[in-house]
Structures are given as structure tokens and as C-alpha cells.
């Protein structure tokens, strides 16, 4: 449980910087593909993809299969906290 809290705080911090720098707009302006357009139009999609990427990195670091669920849980929790 403590690992998830640390992961979520790191994820929340990264997403704060990500949105503050207006990264979705910059990504869309650089790569104008349909996948990138769909991804940058949906906040939950971006957060779940970034969370999944972070959870895979954490899995490669520690080797615990349970941490692979952290990405989806973090994206869902941040979406619930926004509303």
C-alpha cells in the first residue's frame, strides 16, 4: 500500500508538470498522427498511458507483478479526485 502511495504521488507530480508545460499541445503540434490526436484529446487516456509506462519501469526495477496495476489505479484515482 505504501508503494502505491509513493507511486501515486510521483505520478501526480509528473502530471502536474506535464500539464503546466502544456506538453499535450506541444506533442500534438510535433506529431500530427491520428493516435496522437486521440491521445491528446482525452486526459484519462494520456494519464493511463503515462501511468502504465511508469508502472512498467517500476516493474523492471523491482520485479513485482502487482506494481503493473499501479498505472491504471493511479489514472483512475486522479480522474476521481478531479471531479
PDB file of N, CA and C in Angstrom:
ATOM      1  N   UNK A   1       0.815  -1.198   0.000  1.00  0.00           N
ATOM      2  CA  UNK A   1       0.000   0.000   0.000  1.00  0.00           C
ATOM      3  C   UNK A   1       0.858   1.261   0.000  1.00  0.00           C
ATOM      4  N   UNK A   2       1.914   1.248   0.770  1.00  0.00           N
ATOM      5  CA  UNK A   2       2.816   2.406   0.817  1.00  0.00           C
ATOM      6  C   UNK A   2       3.470   2.610  -0.543  1.00  0.00           C
ATOM      7  N   UNK A   3       3.799   1.515  -1.242  1.00  0.00           N
ATOM      8  CA  UNK A   3       4.398   1.635  -2.570  1.00  0.00           C
ATOM      9  C   UNK A   3       3.451   2.349  -3.528  1.00  0.00           C
ATOM     10  N   UNK A   4       2.166   2.034  -3.441  1.00  0.00           N
ATOM     11  CA  UNK A   4       1.200   2.698  -4.315  1.00  0.00           C
ATOM     12  C   UNK A   4       1.091   4.180  -3.989  1.00  0.00           C
ATOM     13  N   UNK A   5       1.141   4.531  -2.725  1.00  0.00           N
ATOM     14  CA  UNK A   5       1.059   5.947  -2.348  1.00  0.00           C
ATOM     15  C   UNK A   5       2.258   6.710  -2.898  1.00  0.00           C
ATOM     16  N   UNK A   6       3.446   6.135  -2.781  1.00  0.00           N
ATOM     17  CA  UNK A   6       4.634   6.772  -3.355  1.00  0.00           C
ATOM     18  C   UNK A   6       4.505   6.886  -4.870  1.00  0.00           C
ATOM     19  N   UNK A   7       4.039   5.820  -5.502  1.00  0.00           N
ATOM     20  CA  UNK A   7       3.867   5.829  -6.948  1.00  0.00           C
ATOM     21  C   UNK A   7       2.854   6.890  -7.360  1.00  0.00           C
ATOM     22  N   UNK A   8       1.740   6.969  -6.644  1.00  0.00           N
ATOM     23  CA  UNK A   8       0.707   7.942  -6.988  1.00  0.00           C
ATOM     24  C   UNK A   8       1.208   9.368  -6.817  1.00  0.00           C
ATOM     25  N   UNK A   9       1.948   9.634  -5.749  1.00  0.00           N
ATOM     26  CA  UNK A   9       2.484  10.977  -5.550  1.00  0.00           C
ATOM     27  C   UNK A   9       3.471  11.354  -6.638  1.00  0.00           C
ATOM     28  N   UNK A  10       4.313  10.413  -7.050  1.00  0.00           N
ATOM     29  CA  UNK A  10       5.237  10.663  -8.153  1.00  0.00           C
ATOM     30  C   UNK A  10       4.468  10.886  -9.453  1.00  0.00           C
ATOM     31  N   UNK A  11       3.449  10.065  -9.674  1.00  0.00           N
ATOM     32  CA  UNK A  11       2.617  10.203 -10.860  1.00  0.00           C
ATOM     33  C   UNK A  11       1.902  11.553 -10.851  1.00  0.00           C
ATOM     34  N   UNK A  12       1.313  11.955  -9.758  1.00  0.00           N
ATOM     35  CA  UNK A  12       0.590  13.224  -9.647  1.00  0.00           C
ATOM     36  C   UNK A  12       1.536  14.403  -9.894  1.00  0.00           C
ATOM     37  N   UNK A  13       2.733  14.316  -9.336  1.00  0.00           N
ATOM     38  CA  UNK A  13       3.735  15.364  -9.520  1.00  0.00           C
ATOM     39  C   UNK A  13       4.130  15.475 -10.988  1.00  0.00           C
ATOM     40  N   UNK A  14       4.359  14.340 -11.647  1.00  0.00           N
ATOM     41  CA  UNK A  14       4.737  14.354 -13.056  1.00  0.00           C
ATOM     42  C   UNK A  14       3.611  14.913 -13.921  1.00  0.00           C
ATOM     43  N   UNK A  15       2.367  14.520 -13.636  1.00  0.00           N
ATOM     44  CA  UNK A  15       1.246  15.010 -14.437  1.00  0.00           C
ATOM     45  C   UNK A  15       1.046  16.510 -14.228  1.00  0.00           C
ATOM     46  N   UNK A  16       1.307  17.001 -13.033  1.00  0.00           N
ATOM     47  CA  UNK A  16       1.220  18.440 -12.778  1.00  0.00           C
ATOM     48  C   UNK A  16       2.210  19.195 -13.657  1.00  0.00           C
ATOM     49  N   UNK A  17       3.432  18.725 -13.712  1.00  0.00           N
ATOM     50  CA  UNK A  17       4.443  19.362 -14.570  1.00  0.00           C
ATOM     51  C   UNK A  17       4.074  19.203 -16.038  1.00  0.00           C
ATOM     52  N   UNK A  18       3.562  18.023 -16.393  1.00  0.00           N
ATOM     53  CA  UNK A  18       3.180  17.730 -17.772  1.00  0.00           C
ATOM     54  C   UNK A  18       2.126  18.706 -18.276  1.00  0.00           C
ATOM     55  N   UNK A  19       1.103  18.975 -17.453  1.00  0.00           N
ATOM     56  CA  UNK A  19       0.058  19.905 -17.850  1.00  0.00           C
ATOM     57  C   UNK A  19       0.510  21.362 -17.732  1.00  0.00           C
ATOM     58  N   UNK A  20       1.378  21.659 -16.775  1.00  0.00           N
ATOM     59  CA  UNK A  20       1.855  23.035 -16.585  1.00  0.00           C
ATOM     60  C   UNK A  20       2.685  23.489 -17.786  1.00  0.00           C
ATOM     61  N   UNK A  21       3.465  22.577 -18.368  1.00  0.00           N
ATOM     62  CA  UNK A  21       4.286  22.906 -19.532  1.00  0.00           C
ATOM     63  C   UNK A  21       3.515  22.816 -20.845  1.00  0.00           C
ATOM     64  N   UNK A  22       2.223  22.503 -20.759  1.00  0.00           N
ATOM     65  CA  UNK A  22       1.360  22.333 -21.925  1.00  0.00           C
ATOM     66  C   UNK A  22       1.938  21.313 -22.906  1.00  0.00           C
ATOM     67  N   UNK A  23       2.405  20.225 -22.359  1.00  0.00           N
ATOM     68  CA  UNK A  23       3.021  19.173 -23.170  1.00  0.00           C
ATOM     69  C   UNK A  23       2.066  18.530 -24.172  1.00  0.00           C
ATOM     70  N   UNK A  24       0.784  18.313 -23.851  1.00  0.00           N
ATOM     71  CA  UNK A  24      -0.099  17.714 -24.871  1.00  0.00           C
ATOM     72  C   UNK A  24      -0.184  18.545 -26.149  1.00  0.00           C
ATOM     73  N   UNK A  25      -0.208  19.878 -26.020  1.00  0.00           N
ATOM     74  CA  UNK A  25      -0.267  20.736 -27.202  1.00  0.00           C
ATOM     75  C   UNK A  25       1.035  20.637 -27.982  1.00  0.00           C
ATOM     76  N   UNK A  26       2.143  20.625 -27.286  1.00  0.00           N
ATOM     77  CA  UNK A  26       3.444  20.536 -27.949  1.00  0.00           C
ATOM     78  C   UNK A  26       3.617  19.184 -28.643  1.00  0.00           C
ATOM     79  N   UNK A  27       3.135  18.126 -28.007  1.00  0.00           N
ATOM     80  CA  UNK A  27       3.223  16.801 -28.626  1.00  0.00           C
ATOM     81  C   UNK A  27       2.363  16.751 -29.879  1.00  0.00           C
ATOM     82  N   UNK A  28       1.154  17.304 -29.789  1.00  0.00           N
ATOM     83  CA  UNK A  28       0.266  17.283 -30.952  1.00  0.00           C
ATOM     84  C   UNK A  28       0.840  18.114 -32.101  1.00  0.00           C
ATOM     85  N   UNK A  29       1.430  19.259 -31.797  1.00  0.00           N
ATOM     86  CA  UNK A  29       1.998  20.099 -32.855  1.00  0.00           C
ATOM     87  C   UNK A  29       3.198  19.438 -33.525  1.00  0.00           C
ATOM     88  N   UNK A  30       3.899  18.616 -32.787  1.00  0.00           N
ATOM     89  CA  UNK A  30       5.086  17.968 -33.362  1.00  0.00           C
ATOM     90  C   UNK A  30       4.732  16.713 -34.157  1.00  0.00           C
ATOM     91  N   UNK A  31       3.823  15.905 -33.651  1.00  0.00           N
ATOM     92  CA  UNK A  31       3.429  14.656 -34.301  1.00  0.00           C
ATOM     93  C   UNK A  31       1.931  14.700 -34.576  1.00  0.00           C
ATOM     94  N   UNK A  32       1.532  14.944 -35.777  1.00  0.00           N
ATOM     95  CA  UNK A  32       0.112  15.065 -36.090  1.00  0.00           C
ATOM     96  C   UNK A  32      -0.425  13.773 -36.703  1.00  0.00           C
ATOM     97  N   UNK A  33      -0.422  12.715 -35.902  1.00  0.00           N
ATOM     98  CA  UNK A  33      -0.986  11.429 -36.316  1.00  0.00           C
ATOM     99  C   UNK A  33      -2.328  11.239 -35.616  1.00  0.00           C
ATOM    100  N   UNK A  34      -3.146  10.333 -36.129  1.00  0.00           N
ATOM    101  CA  UNK A  34      -4.466  10.105 -35.552  1.00  0.00           C
ATOM    102  C   UNK A  34      -4.365   9.602 -34.110  1.00  0.00           C
ATOM    103  N   UNK A  35      -3.412   8.695 -33.832  1.00  0.00           N
ATOM    104  CA  UNK A  35      -3.247   8.182 -32.471  1.00  0.00           C
ATOM    105  C   UNK A  35      -2.887   9.311 -31.504  1.00  0.00           C
ATOM    106  N   UNK A  36      -1.971  10.173 -31.901  1.00  0.00           N
ATOM    107  CA  UNK A  36      -1.563  11.289 -31.037  1.00  0.00           C
ATOM    108  C   UNK A  36      -2.727  12.258 -30.853  1.00  0.00           C
ATOM    109  N   UNK A  37      -3.510  12.483 -31.907  1.00  0.00           N
ATOM    110  CA  UNK A  37      -4.678  13.356 -31.797  1.00  0.00           C
ATOM    111  C   UNK A  37      -5.689  12.785 -30.814  1.00  0.00           C
ATOM    112  N   UNK A  38      -5.975  11.498 -30.913  1.00  0.00           N
ATOM    113  CA  UNK A  38      -6.914  10.863 -29.982  1.00  0.00           C
ATOM    114  C   UNK A  38      -6.369  10.876 -28.556  1.00  0.00           C
ATOM    115  N   UNK A  39      -5.066  10.678 -28.424  1.00  0.00           N
ATOM    116  CA  UNK A  39      -4.450  10.624 -27.103  1.00  0.00           C
ATOM    117  C   UNK A  39      -4.451  11.993 -26.424  1.00  0.00           C
ATOM    118  N   UNK A  40      -4.147  13.038 -27.171  1.00  0.00           N
ATOM    119  CA  UNK A  40      -4.069  14.364 -26.558  1.00  0.00           C
ATOM    120  C   UNK A  40      -5.440  14.978 -26.317  1.00  0.00           C
ATOM    121  N   UNK A  41      -6.478  14.461 -26.941  1.00  0.00           N
ATOM    122  CA  UNK A  41      -7.827  14.968 -26.698  1.00  0.00           C
ATOM    123  C   UNK A  41      -8.468  14.364 -25.459  1.00  0.00           C
ATOM    124  N   UNK A  42      -7.934  13.302 -24.951  1.00  0.00           N
ATOM    125  CA  UNK A  42      -8.524  12.585 -23.821  1.00  0.00           C
ATOM    126  C   UNK A  42      -7.543  12.604 -22.643  1.00  0.00           C
ATOM    127  N   UNK A  43      -7.892  13.326 -21.577  1.00  0.00           N
ATOM    128  CA  UNK A  43      -6.990  13.405 -20.418  1.00  0.00           C
ATOM    129  C   UNK A  43      -6.789  12.049 -19.765  1.00  0.00           C
ATOM    130  N   UNK A  44      -7.861  11.287 -19.615  1.00  0.00           N
ATOM    131  CA  UNK A  44      -7.743   9.979 -18.983  1.00  0.00           C
ATOM    132  C   UNK A  44      -6.853   9.055 -19.806  1.00  0.00           C
ATOM    133  N   UNK A  45      -6.943   9.152 -21.140  1.00  0.00           N
ATOM    134  CA  UNK A  45      -6.100   8.311 -21.998  1.00  0.00           C
ATOM    135  C   UNK A  45      -4.622   8.636 -21.797  1.00  0.00           C
ATOM    136  N   UNK A  46      -4.303   9.927 -21.755  1.00  0.00           N
ATOM    137  CA  UNK A  46      -2.916  10.331 -21.527  1.00  0.00           C
ATOM    138  C   UNK A  46      -2.424   9.848 -20.173  1.00  0.00           C
ATOM    139  N   UNK A  47      -3.253  10.041 -19.164  1.00  0.00           N
ATOM    140  CA  UNK A  47      -2.835   9.651 -17.820  1.00  0.00           C
ATOM    141  C   UNK A  47      -2.680   8.143 -17.695  1.00  0.00           C
ATOM    142  N   UNK A  48      -3.546   7.385 -18.324  1.00  0.00           N
ATOM    143  CA  UNK A  48      -3.417   5.926 -18.219  1.00  0.00           C
ATOM    144  C   UNK A  48      -2.199   5.431 -18.981  1.00  0.00           C
ATOM    145  N   UNK A  49      -1.885   6.029 -20.135  1.00  0.00           N
ATOM    146  CA  UNK A  49      -0.691   5.617 -20.872  1.00  0.00           C
ATOM    147  C   UNK A  49       0.584   5.978 -20.113  1.00  0.00           C
ATOM    148  N   UNK A  50       0.639   7.171 -19.555  1.00  0.00           N
ATOM    149  CA  UNK A  50       1.817   7.587 -18.792  1.00  0.00           C
ATOM    150  C   UNK A  50       1.949   6.762 -17.518  1.00  0.00           C
ATOM    151  N   UNK A  51       0.831   6.510 -16.842  1.00  0.00           N
ATOM    152  CA  UNK A  51       0.868   5.668 -15.645  1.00  0.00           C
ATOM    153  C   UNK A  51       1.309   4.253 -15.947  1.00  0.00           C
ATOM    154  N   UNK A  52       0.851   3.713 -17.067  1.00  0.00           N
ATOM    155  CA  UNK A  52       1.275   2.368 -17.466  1.00  0.00           C
ATOM    156  C   UNK A  52       2.763   2.338 -17.764  1.00  0.00           C
ATOM    157  N   UNK A  53       3.261   3.368 -18.432  1.00  0.00           N
ATOM    158  CA  UNK A  53       4.698   3.448 -18.713  1.00  0.00           C
ATOM    159  C   UNK A  53       5.509   3.472 -17.421  1.00  0.00           C
ATOM    160  N   UNK A  54       5.070   4.296 -16.450  1.00  0.00           N
ATOM    161  CA  UNK A  54       5.769   4.352 -15.164  1.00  0.00           C
ATOM    162  C   UNK A  54       5.687   3.026 -14.410  1.00  0.00           C
ATOM    163  N   UNK A  55       4.542   2.375 -14.477  1.00  0.00           N
ATOM    164  CA  UNK A  55       4.409   1.108 -13.751  1.00  0.00           C
ATOM    165  C   UNK A  55       5.272   0.015 -14.384  1.00  0.00           C
ATOM    166  N   UNK A  56       5.421   0.028 -15.700  1.00  0.00           N
ATOM    167  CA  UNK A  56       6.314  -0.946 -16.349  1.00  0.00           C
ATOM    168  C   UNK A  56       7.758  -0.676 -15.941  1.00  0.00           C
ATOM    169  N   UNK A  57       8.143   0.599 -15.864  1.00  0.00           N
ATOM    170  CA  UNK A  57       9.500   0.919 -15.399  1.00  0.00           C
ATOM    171  C   UNK A  57       9.726   0.449 -13.965  1.00  0.00           C
ATOM    172  N   UNK A  58       8.725   0.651 -13.114  1.00  0.00           N
ATOM    173  CA  UNK A  58       8.836   0.197 -11.729  1.00  0.00           C
ATOM    174  C   UNK A  58       8.889  -1.316 -11.656  1.00  0.00           C
ATOM    175  N   UNK A  59       8.120  -1.993 -12.501  1.00  0.00           N
ATOM    176  CA  UNK A  59       8.163  -3.456 -12.548  1.00  0.00           C
ATOM    177  C   UNK A  59       9.547  -3.944 -12.958  1.00  0.00           C
ATOM    178  N   UNK A  60      10.154  -3.297 -13.944  1.00  0.00           N
ATOM    179  CA  UNK A  60      11.501  -3.694 -14.368  1.00  0.00           C
ATOM    180  C   UNK A  60      12.524  -3.458 -13.266  1.00  0.00           C
ATOM    181  N   UNK A  61      12.261  -2.470 -12.415  1.00  0.00           N
ATOM    182  CA  UNK A  61      13.166  -2.176 -11.307  1.00  0.00           C
ATOM    183  C   UNK A  61      13.010  -3.176 -10.164  1.00  0.00           C
ATOM    184  N   UNK A  62      11.768  -3.460  -9.757  1.00  0.00           N
ATOM    185  CA  UNK A  62      11.579  -4.284  -8.560  1.00  0.00           C
ATOM    186  C   UNK A  62      11.133  -5.716  -8.860  1.00  0.00           C
ATOM    187  N   UNK A  63      10.520  -5.980 -10.008  1.00  0.00           N
ATOM    188  CA  UNK A  63      10.150  -7.343 -10.378  1.00  0.00           C
ATOM    189  C   UNK A  63       8.867  -7.865  -9.762  1.00  0.00           C
ATOM    190  N   UNK A  64       8.076  -7.007  -9.138  1.00  0.00           N
ATOM    191  CA  UNK A  64       6.818  -7.421  -8.532  1.00  0.00           C
ATOM    192  C   UNK A  64       5.692  -7.190  -9.530  1.00  0.00           C
ATOM    193  N   UNK A  65       4.939  -8.243  -9.855  1.00  0.00           N
ATOM    194  CA  UNK A  65       3.884  -8.125 -10.855  1.00  0.00           C
ATOM    195  C   UNK A  65       2.733  -7.236 -10.407  1.00  0.00           C
ATOM    196  N   UNK A  66       2.538  -7.080  -9.132  1.00  0.00           N
ATOM    197  CA  UNK A  66       1.443  -6.256  -8.615  1.00  0.00           C
ATOM    198  C   UNK A  66       1.592  -4.794  -9.001  1.00  0.00           C
ATOM    199  N   UNK A  67       2.815  -4.319  -9.164  1.00  0.00           N
ATOM    200  CA  UNK A  67       3.021  -2.904  -9.493  1.00  0.00           C
ATOM    201  C   UNK A  67       2.544  -2.570 -10.909  1.00  0.00           C
ATOM    202  N   UNK A  68       2.293  -3.569 -11.732  1.00  0.00           N
ATOM    203  CA  UNK A  68       1.778  -3.294 -13.072  1.00  0.00           C
ATOM    204  C   UNK A  68       0.363  -2.722 -13.031  1.00  0.00           C
ATOM    205  N   UNK A  69      -0.350  -2.938 -11.939  1.00  0.00           N
ATOM    206  CA  UNK A  69      -1.694  -2.373 -11.801  1.00  0.00           C
ATOM    207  C   UNK A  69      -1.667  -0.926 -11.319  1.00  0.00           C
ATOM    208  N   UNK A  70      -0.533  -0.450 -10.868  1.00  0.00           N
ATOM    209  CA  UNK A  70      -0.442   0.902 -10.311  1.00  0.00           C
ATOM    210  C   UNK A  70      -0.777   1.981 -11.345  1.00  0.00           C
ATOM    211  N   UNK A  71      -0.414   1.777 -12.596  1.00  0.00           N
ATOM    212  CA  UNK A  71      -0.679   2.777 -13.628  1.00  0.00           C
ATOM    213  C   UNK A  71      -2.159   3.025 -13.811  1.00  0.00           C
ATOM    214  N   UNK A  72      -2.921   1.951 -13.938  1.00  0.00           N
ATOM    215  CA  UNK A  72      -4.366   2.094 -14.116  1.00  0.00           C
ATOM    216  C   UNK A  72      -5.029   2.641 -12.854  1.00  0.00           C
ATOM    217  N   UNK A  73      -4.567   2.177 -11.700  1.00  0.00           N
ATOM    218  CA  UNK A  73      -5.158   2.673 -10.454  1.00  0.00           C
ATOM    219  C   UNK A  73      -4.854   4.148 -10.253  1.00  0.00           C
ATOM    220  N   UNK A  74      -3.654   4.584 -10.599  1.00  0.00           N
ATOM    221  CA  UNK A  74      -3.297   6.000 -10.445  1.00  0.00           C
ATOM    222  C   UNK A  74      -4.103   6.889 -11.381  1.00  0.00           C
ATOM    223  N   UNK A  75      -4.259   6.453 -12.623  1.00  0.00           N
ATOM    224  CA  UNK A  75      -5.040   7.242 -13.576  1.00  0.00           C
ATOM    225  C   UNK A  75      -6.492   7.320 -13.141  1.00  0.00           C
ATOM    226  N   UNK A  76      -7.034   6.221 -12.652  1.00  0.00           N
ATOM    227  CA  UNK A  76      -8.426   6.221 -12.191  1.00  0.00           C
ATOM    228  C   UNK A  76      -8.611   7.089 -10.955  1.00  0.00           C
ATOM    229  N   UNK A  77      -7.690   6.981 -10.015  1.00  0.00           N
ATOM    230  CA  UNK A  77      -7.793   7.777  -8.789  1.00  0.00           C
ATOM    231  C   UNK A  77      -7.656   9.276  -9.082  1.00  0.00           C
ATOM    232  N   UNK A  78      -6.737   9.646  -9.962  1.00  0.00           N
ATOM    233  CA  UNK A  78      -6.595  11.068 -10.284  1.00  0.00           C
ATOM    234  C   UNK A  78      -7.837  11.580 -11.006  1.00  0.00           C
ATOM    235  N   UNK A  79      -8.448  10.735 -11.829  1.00  0.00           N
ATOM    236  CA  UNK A  79      -9.675  11.144 -12.513  1.00  0.00           C
ATOM    237  C   UNK A  79     -10.816  11.320 -11.506  1.00  0.00           C
ATOM    238  N   UNK A  80     -10.888  10.456 -10.519  1.00  0.00           N
ATOM    239  CA  UNK A  80     -11.923  10.586  -9.485  1.00  0.00           C
ATOM    240  C   UNK A  80     -11.701  11.830  -8.618  1.00  0.00           C
ATOM    241  N   UNK A  81     -10.449  12.126  -8.308  1.00  0.00           N
ATOM    242  CA  UNK A  81     -10.149  13.290  -7.468  1.00  0.00           C
ATOM    243  C   UNK A  81     -10.405  14.605  -8.186  1.00  0.00           C
ATOM    244  N   UNK A  82     -10.341  14.610  -9.517  1.00  0.00           N
ATOM    245  CA  UNK A  82     -10.596  15.839 -10.273  1.00  0.00           C
ATOM    246  C   UNK A  82     -12.066  16.214 -10.272  1.00  0.00           C
ATOM    247  N   UNK A  83     -12.936  15.238 -10.134  1.00  0.00           N
ATOM    248  CA  UNK A  83     -14.384  15.503 -10.256  1.00  0.00           C
ATOM    249  C   UNK A  83     -15.019  15.757  -8.951  1.00  0.00           C
TER     250      UNK A  83
END
